[in-house]
Protein backbone atom coordinates (compact mmCIF):
# COMPACT_ATOMS: atom_id res chain seq x y z
CA MET A 1 -15.29 -109.01 27.22
CA ILE A 2 -11.93 -107.29 27.01
CA THR A 3 -10.78 -105.75 23.76
CA TYR A 4 -7.18 -105.17 22.78
CA THR A 5 -5.44 -102.60 20.64
CA LYS A 6 -2.14 -103.21 18.91
CA HIS A 7 0.63 -100.74 19.82
CA SER A 8 3.84 -101.49 17.91
CA ASP A 9 4.42 -105.21 18.47
CA TYR A 10 2.21 -105.52 21.55
CA TYR A 11 -1.49 -105.91 22.19
CA LEU A 12 -2.61 -103.81 25.14
CA PRO A 13 -6.02 -104.13 26.83
CA ASP A 14 -8.48 -101.27 26.38
CA LEU A 15 -9.12 -100.51 30.03
CA VAL A 16 -11.49 -97.77 31.11
CA LEU A 17 -12.06 -96.63 34.66
CA PRO A 18 -15.69 -96.62 35.78
CA GLU A 19 -17.37 -93.24 35.93
CA ASP A 20 -17.80 -91.93 39.47
CA GLY A 21 -20.56 -89.47 38.62
CA GLU A 22 -19.52 -87.39 41.63
CA THR A 23 -19.94 -83.62 41.38
CA ARG A 24 -19.09 -82.57 44.93
CA PRO A 25 -15.84 -80.61 45.27
CA VAL A 26 -12.82 -82.35 46.70
CA GLY A 27 -11.66 -79.17 48.44
CA ILE A 28 -8.43 -78.40 50.26
CA TYR A 29 -8.80 -81.16 52.83
CA GLY A 30 -9.52 -83.73 50.14
CA GLU A 31 -6.46 -82.57 48.18
CA ARG A 32 -4.26 -82.92 51.26
CA HIS A 33 -5.58 -86.42 51.93
CA TYR A 34 -5.12 -87.30 48.24
CA ARG A 35 -1.43 -86.37 48.39
CA TYR A 36 -1.06 -88.35 51.62
CA LEU A 37 -2.73 -91.44 50.12
CA LYS A 38 -0.69 -91.25 46.95
CA GLU A 39 2.60 -91.05 48.82
CA TYR A 40 2.09 -93.17 51.95
CA CYS A 41 -0.92 -95.45 51.33
CA LYS A 42 -0.38 -96.58 47.76
CA ILE A 43 -2.48 -99.75 48.00
CA GLN A 44 -5.53 -97.91 49.36
CA TYR A 45 -5.03 -95.17 46.76
CA LEU A 46 -4.87 -97.68 43.89
CA ASN A 47 -7.90 -99.60 45.19
CA LEU A 48 -9.97 -96.40 45.35
CA LEU A 49 -8.71 -95.24 41.97
CA THR A 50 -9.37 -98.49 40.12
CA SER A 51 -12.79 -98.96 41.72
CA GLY A 52 -13.82 -95.45 40.65
CA LYS A 53 -14.55 -94.36 44.22
CA LEU A 54 -11.61 -92.00 44.74
CA HIS A 55 -13.44 -88.74 44.02
CA SER A 56 -16.43 -89.51 46.25
CA TYR A 57 -14.09 -90.73 49.03
CA LEU A 58 -12.08 -87.48 48.87
CA ALA A 59 -15.26 -85.39 48.81
CA ASP A 60 -16.46 -87.22 51.95
CA ILE A 61 -13.11 -86.61 53.66
CA ASN A 62 -13.34 -82.93 52.74
CA GLU A 63 -16.83 -82.60 54.23
CA GLN A 64 -15.88 -84.46 57.42
CA ALA A 65 -12.73 -82.38 57.90
CA ARG A 66 -14.49 -79.08 57.21
CA GLU A 67 -17.32 -79.88 59.63
CA ARG A 68 -14.86 -81.01 62.32
CA PHE A 69 -12.74 -77.87 61.85
CA GLU A 70 -15.75 -75.55 62.12
CA PHE A 71 -17.01 -77.41 65.21
CA LEU A 72 -13.62 -77.21 66.92
CA VAL A 73 -13.17 -73.51 66.17
CA GLU A 74 -16.65 -72.73 67.51
CA GLN A 75 -16.14 -74.86 70.61
CA MET A 76 -12.67 -73.46 71.42
CA ALA A 77 -13.80 -69.88 70.87
CA GLU A 78 -16.69 -70.43 73.28
CA VAL A 79 -14.47 -72.00 75.96
CA GLU A 80 -11.86 -69.22 75.65
CA SER A 81 -14.48 -66.43 75.57
CA VAL A 82 -13.50 -65.17 72.14
CA THR A 83 -16.74 -63.36 71.36
CA GLU A 84 -18.11 -60.63 69.14
CA GLU A 85 -17.83 -58.25 72.12
CA LEU A 86 -14.07 -58.87 72.22
CA LYS A 87 -13.95 -58.31 68.48
CA ALA A 88 -15.68 -54.95 68.90
CA GLU A 89 -13.49 -53.90 71.84
CA ASN A 90 -10.06 -55.11 70.74
CA GLN A 91 -9.77 -56.37 67.19
CA MET A 92 -6.07 -57.20 67.34
CA GLU A 93 -6.49 -59.40 70.42
CA TRP A 94 -9.48 -61.12 68.79
CA VAL A 95 -7.52 -61.78 65.59
CA GLY A 96 -4.59 -63.21 67.53
CA LYS A 97 -6.79 -65.51 69.58
CA MET A 98 -8.80 -66.67 66.56
CA ASN A 99 -5.62 -67.40 64.58
CA ASN A 100 -4.35 -69.44 67.52
CA ILE A 101 -7.65 -71.34 67.74
CA ARG A 102 -7.73 -72.00 63.98
CA ASN A 103 -4.15 -73.28 63.99
CA ARG A 104 -4.87 -75.68 66.86
CA ALA A 105 -8.09 -76.86 65.19
CA MET A 106 -6.20 -77.45 61.93
CA GLU A 107 -3.60 -79.57 63.73
CA ILE A 108 -6.36 -81.68 65.28
CA VAL A 109 -8.15 -82.15 61.95
CA ASN A 110 -4.88 -83.08 60.24
CA LYS A 111 -4.08 -85.66 62.91
CA GLU A 112 -7.62 -87.14 63.16
CA ILE A 113 -8.79 -87.12 59.52
CA ILE A 114 -6.27 -86.01 56.89
CA TYR A 115 -3.07 -87.87 57.75
CA VAL A 116 -4.52 -91.18 58.94
């Protein structure tokens, strides 16, 4: 049963969103996807919001993106021989290569998970 409250001359329904009960963090990837949904996928955003599933959806996106990013960084570093030995021998070269790997991995994660 829906209840109504009078505001000025109008009766407005007392609507309450369902509790999600989610405690996992949304994280940086979830925040990026949230902004993308809100701006470019308004129908999906509103469906998730009104069903009370937005927070858990964003937390799942965050976990998937983080895991994919870590996997890609590890895999690329192995293929390009960016090892702890290189870090010990030449820190500046290691930092440059790792920054390059992380940037490429971030672009892949953005394209595959965040901005889809």
